[in-house]
Amino acid sequence: MDDVTWGGIVPSVVLIIAGGALWWWSIALTVRAYRGERVPVWRNPRKAPGRAVASRAFGAATLTLGVGIAPWGQLDAPSWLVPLLAGSVAVVFLLIPYFATVIVHNRGVETP
């Protein structure tokens, strides 16, 4: 691999992993703040700790930057495939872990 490829792939992968880790950590902090209570799925939790909100915002921004600087243009693919791949990375790292964690947490909470 030449330097151009390594110059784009490595930083983008590092940013994607760091952003995903911060996002997942914010989910864990939010779920811990709701022990014994259901976490709202389709709206913002009102009791989310401040560091969870900051971690979520910084993690989403870092991951988005990593996806944005990825060398998608070096792919020999149709133009519609690049946004599809970039969006898929974001969904896998952001939305799926959030919904999975909240669903598992809410199933473990007794309903009144």
C-alpha atoms as a PDB file:
ATOM      1  CA  MET A   1       0.000   0.000   0.000  1.00  0.00           C
ATOM      2  CA  ASP A   2       1.247   3.448  -0.758  1.00  0.00           C
ATOM      3  CA  ASP A   3       1.455   6.395   1.614  1.00  0.00           C
ATOM      4  CA  VAL A   4      -1.707   8.032   0.282  1.00  0.00           C
ATOM      5  CA  THR A   5      -3.824   5.031   1.274  1.00  0.00           C
ATOM      6  CA  TRP A   6      -2.209   4.657   4.699  1.00  0.00           C
ATOM      7  CA  GLY A   7      -2.524   8.396   5.246  1.00  0.00           C
ATOM      8  CA  GLY A   8      -6.296   8.159   4.845  1.00  0.00           C
ATOM      9  CA  ILE A   9      -7.188   4.747   6.225  1.00  0.00           C
ATOM     10  CA  VAL A  10      -5.330   4.739   9.538  1.00  0.00           C
ATOM     11  CA  PRO A  11      -6.538   8.120  10.863  1.00  0.00           C
ATOM     12  CA  SER A  12     -10.106   7.427   9.794  1.00  0.00           C
ATOM     13  CA  VAL A  13     -10.147   3.997  11.455  1.00  0.00           C
ATOM     14  CA  VAL A  14      -8.671   5.440  14.652  1.00  0.00           C
ATOM     15  CA  LEU A  15     -11.312   8.194  14.725  1.00  0.00           C
ATOM     16  CA  ILE A  16     -14.127   5.721  14.015  1.00  0.00           C
ATOM     17  CA  ILE A  17     -13.009   3.413  16.820  1.00  0.00           C
ATOM     18  CA  ALA A  18     -12.480   6.288  19.279  1.00  0.00           C
ATOM     19  CA  GLY A  19     -15.858   7.819  18.427  1.00  0.00           C
ATOM     20  CA  GLY A  20     -17.598   4.463  18.745  1.00  0.00           C
ATOM     21  CA  ALA A  21     -15.955   3.823  22.114  1.00  0.00           C
ATOM     22  CA  LEU A  22     -17.062   7.220  23.452  1.00  0.00           C
ATOM     23  CA  TRP A  23     -20.591   6.641  22.131  1.00  0.00           C
ATOM     24  CA  TRP A  24     -20.793   3.190  23.760  1.00  0.00           C
ATOM     25  CA  TRP A  25     -19.442   4.586  27.037  1.00  0.00           C
ATOM     26  CA  SER A  26     -22.171   7.257  27.036  1.00  0.00           C
ATOM     27  CA  ILE A  27     -24.794   4.545  26.573  1.00  0.00           C
ATOM     28  CA  ALA A  28     -23.402   2.630  29.546  1.00  0.00           C
ATOM     29  CA  LEU A  29     -23.430   5.772  31.712  1.00  0.00           C
ATOM     30  CA  THR A  30     -27.028   6.521  30.758  1.00  0.00           C
ATOM     31  CA  VAL A  31     -28.225   2.986  31.451  1.00  0.00           C
ATOM     32  CA  ARG A  32     -26.496   3.055  34.857  1.00  0.00           C
ATOM     33  CA  ALA A  33     -28.301   6.305  35.681  1.00  0.00           C
ATOM     34  CA  TYR A  34     -31.620   4.508  35.056  1.00  0.00           C
ATOM     35  CA  ARG A  35     -31.206   1.506  37.358  1.00  0.00           C
ATOM     36  CA  GLY A  36     -34.599   0.025  37.973  1.00  0.00           C
ATOM     37  CA  GLU A  37     -36.272   2.391  35.497  1.00  0.00           C
ATOM     38  CA  ARG A  38     -36.989   2.187  31.798  1.00  0.00           C
ATOM     39  CA  VAL A  39     -34.781   4.238  29.476  1.00  0.00           C
ATOM     40  CA  PRO A  40     -36.760   6.204  26.882  1.00  0.00           C
ATOM     41  CA  VAL A  41     -36.003   4.860  23.419  1.00  0.00           C
ATOM     42  CA  TRP A  42     -37.314   7.532  21.053  1.00  0.00           C
ATOM     43  CA  ARG A  43     -36.451  10.666  23.032  1.00  0.00           C
ATOM     44  CA  ASN A  44     -33.593  12.045  25.085  1.00  0.00           C
ATOM     45  CA  PRO A  45     -33.291  10.669  28.616  1.00  0.00           C
ATOM     46  CA  ARG A  46     -33.928  13.385  31.192  1.00  0.00           C
ATOM     47  CA  LYS A  47     -31.598  11.896  33.819  1.00  0.00           C
ATOM     48  CA  ALA A  48     -28.564  11.309  31.602  1.00  0.00           C
ATOM     49  CA  PRO A  49     -25.385  12.366  33.414  1.00  0.00           C
ATOM     50  CA  GLY A  50     -23.608  15.390  31.976  1.00  0.00           C
ATOM     51  CA  ARG A  51     -20.545  13.363  31.071  1.00  0.00           C
ATOM     52  CA  ALA A  52     -22.774  10.923  29.158  1.00  0.00           C
ATOM     53  CA  VAL A  53     -24.216  13.750  27.086  1.00  0.00           C
ATOM     54  CA  ALA A  54     -20.754  15.208  26.442  1.00  0.00           C
ATOM     55  CA  SER A  55     -19.351  11.778  25.585  1.00  0.00           C
ATOM     56  CA  ARG A  56     -22.244  11.097  23.220  1.00  0.00           C
ATOM     57  CA  ALA A  57     -21.785  14.411  21.420  1.00  0.00           C
ATOM     58  CA  PHE A  58     -18.000  14.127  21.192  1.00  0.00           C
ATOM     59  CA  GLY A  59     -18.183  10.462  20.178  1.00  0.00           C
ATOM     60  CA  ALA A  60     -20.709  11.124  17.405  1.00  0.00           C
ATOM     61  CA  ALA A  61     -18.652  14.051  16.118  1.00  0.00           C
ATOM     62  CA  THR A  62     -15.408  12.048  16.199  1.00  0.00           C
ATOM     63  CA  LEU A  63     -16.978   9.084  14.436  1.00  0.00           C
ATOM     64  CA  THR A  64     -18.548  11.344  11.815  1.00  0.00           C
ATOM     65  CA  LEU A  65     -15.176  12.984  11.191  1.00  0.00           C
ATOM     66  CA  GLY A  66     -13.555   9.560  10.827  1.00  0.00           C
ATOM     67  CA  VAL A  67     -16.200   8.448   8.333  1.00  0.00           C
ATOM     68  CA  GLY A  68     -15.876  11.755   6.496  1.00  0.00           C
ATOM     69  CA  ILE A  69     -12.104  11.609   6.038  1.00  0.00           C
ATOM     70  CA  ALA A  70     -12.077   7.948   5.034  1.00  0.00           C
ATOM     71  CA  PRO A  71     -10.616   7.496   1.549  1.00  0.00           C
ATOM     72  CA  TRP A  72     -13.942   6.509  -0.029  1.00  0.00           C
ATOM     73  CA  GLY A  73     -12.919   8.186  -3.282  1.00  0.00           C
ATOM     74  CA  GLN A  74     -10.239   5.557  -3.812  1.00  0.00           C
ATOM     75  CA  LEU A  75     -12.890   2.876  -4.170  1.00  0.00           C
ATOM     76  CA  ASP A  76     -13.508   1.818  -7.726  1.00  0.00           C
ATOM     77  CA  ALA A  77     -17.271   1.724  -7.200  1.00  0.00           C
ATOM     78  CA  PRO A  78     -20.441   3.470  -8.393  1.00  0.00           C
ATOM     79  CA  SER A  79     -21.009   6.923  -6.891  1.00  0.00           C
ATOM     80  CA  TRP A  80     -24.105   5.814  -4.940  1.00  0.00           C
ATOM     81  CA  LEU A  81     -22.116   3.163  -3.059  1.00  0.00           C
ATOM     82  CA  VAL A  82     -19.890   5.634  -1.172  1.00  0.00           C
ATOM     83  CA  PRO A  83     -22.668   7.306   0.888  1.00  0.00           C
ATOM     84  CA  LEU A  84     -24.242   3.912   1.460  1.00  0.00           C
ATOM     85  CA  LEU A  85     -20.994   2.546   2.926  1.00  0.00           C
ATOM     86  CA  ALA A  86     -20.388   5.662   5.022  1.00  0.00           C
ATOM     87  CA  GLY A  87     -23.922   5.586   6.392  1.00  0.00           C
ATOM     88  CA  SER A  88     -23.629   1.885   7.140  1.00  0.00           C
ATOM     89  CA  VAL A  89     -20.513   2.477   9.222  1.00  0.00           C
ATOM     90  CA  ALA A  90     -22.327   5.145  11.231  1.00  0.00           C
ATOM     91  CA  VAL A  91     -25.393   2.930  11.770  1.00  0.00           C
ATOM     92  CA  VAL A  92     -23.313  -0.038  12.901  1.00  0.00           C
ATOM     93  CA  PHE A  93     -21.278   2.017  15.364  1.00  0.00           C
ATOM     94  CA  LEU A  94     -23.999   4.376  16.656  1.00  0.00           C
ATOM     95  CA  LEU A  95     -27.566   3.183  16.305  1.00  0.00           C
ATOM     96  CA  ILE A  96     -27.388  -0.591  16.645  1.00  0.00           C
ATOM     97  CA  PRO A  97     -25.466  -0.562  19.964  1.00  0.00           C
ATOM     98  CA  TYR A  98     -27.790   2.114  21.374  1.00  0.00           C
ATOM     99  CA  PHE A  99     -31.021   0.312  20.543  1.00  0.00           C
ATOM    100  CA  ALA A 100     -29.657  -3.101  21.565  1.00  0.00           C
ATOM    101  CA  THR A 101     -28.479  -1.824  24.956  1.00  0.00           C
ATOM    102  CA  VAL A 102     -31.685   0.078  25.702  1.00  0.00           C
ATOM    103  CA  ILE A 103     -33.895  -2.854  24.681  1.00  0.00           C
ATOM    104  CA  VAL A 104     -31.914  -5.302  26.839  1.00  0.00           C
ATOM    105  CA  HIS A 105     -31.996  -2.858  29.769  1.00  0.00           C
ATOM    106  CA  ASN A 106     -35.737  -2.176  29.449  1.00  0.00           C
ATOM    107  CA  ARG A 107     -36.565  -5.886  29.281  1.00  0.00           C
ATOM    108  CA  GLY A 108     -34.760  -6.388  32.579  1.00  0.00           C
ATOM    109  CA  VAL A 109     -36.774  -3.674  34.330  1.00  0.00           C
ATOM    110  CA  GLU A 110     -40.037  -4.669  35.937  1.00  0.00           C
ATOM    111  CA  THR A 111     -43.038  -2.736  34.726  1.00  0.00           C
ATOM    112  CA  PRO A 112     -45.356  -1.388  37.439  1.00  0.00           C
END
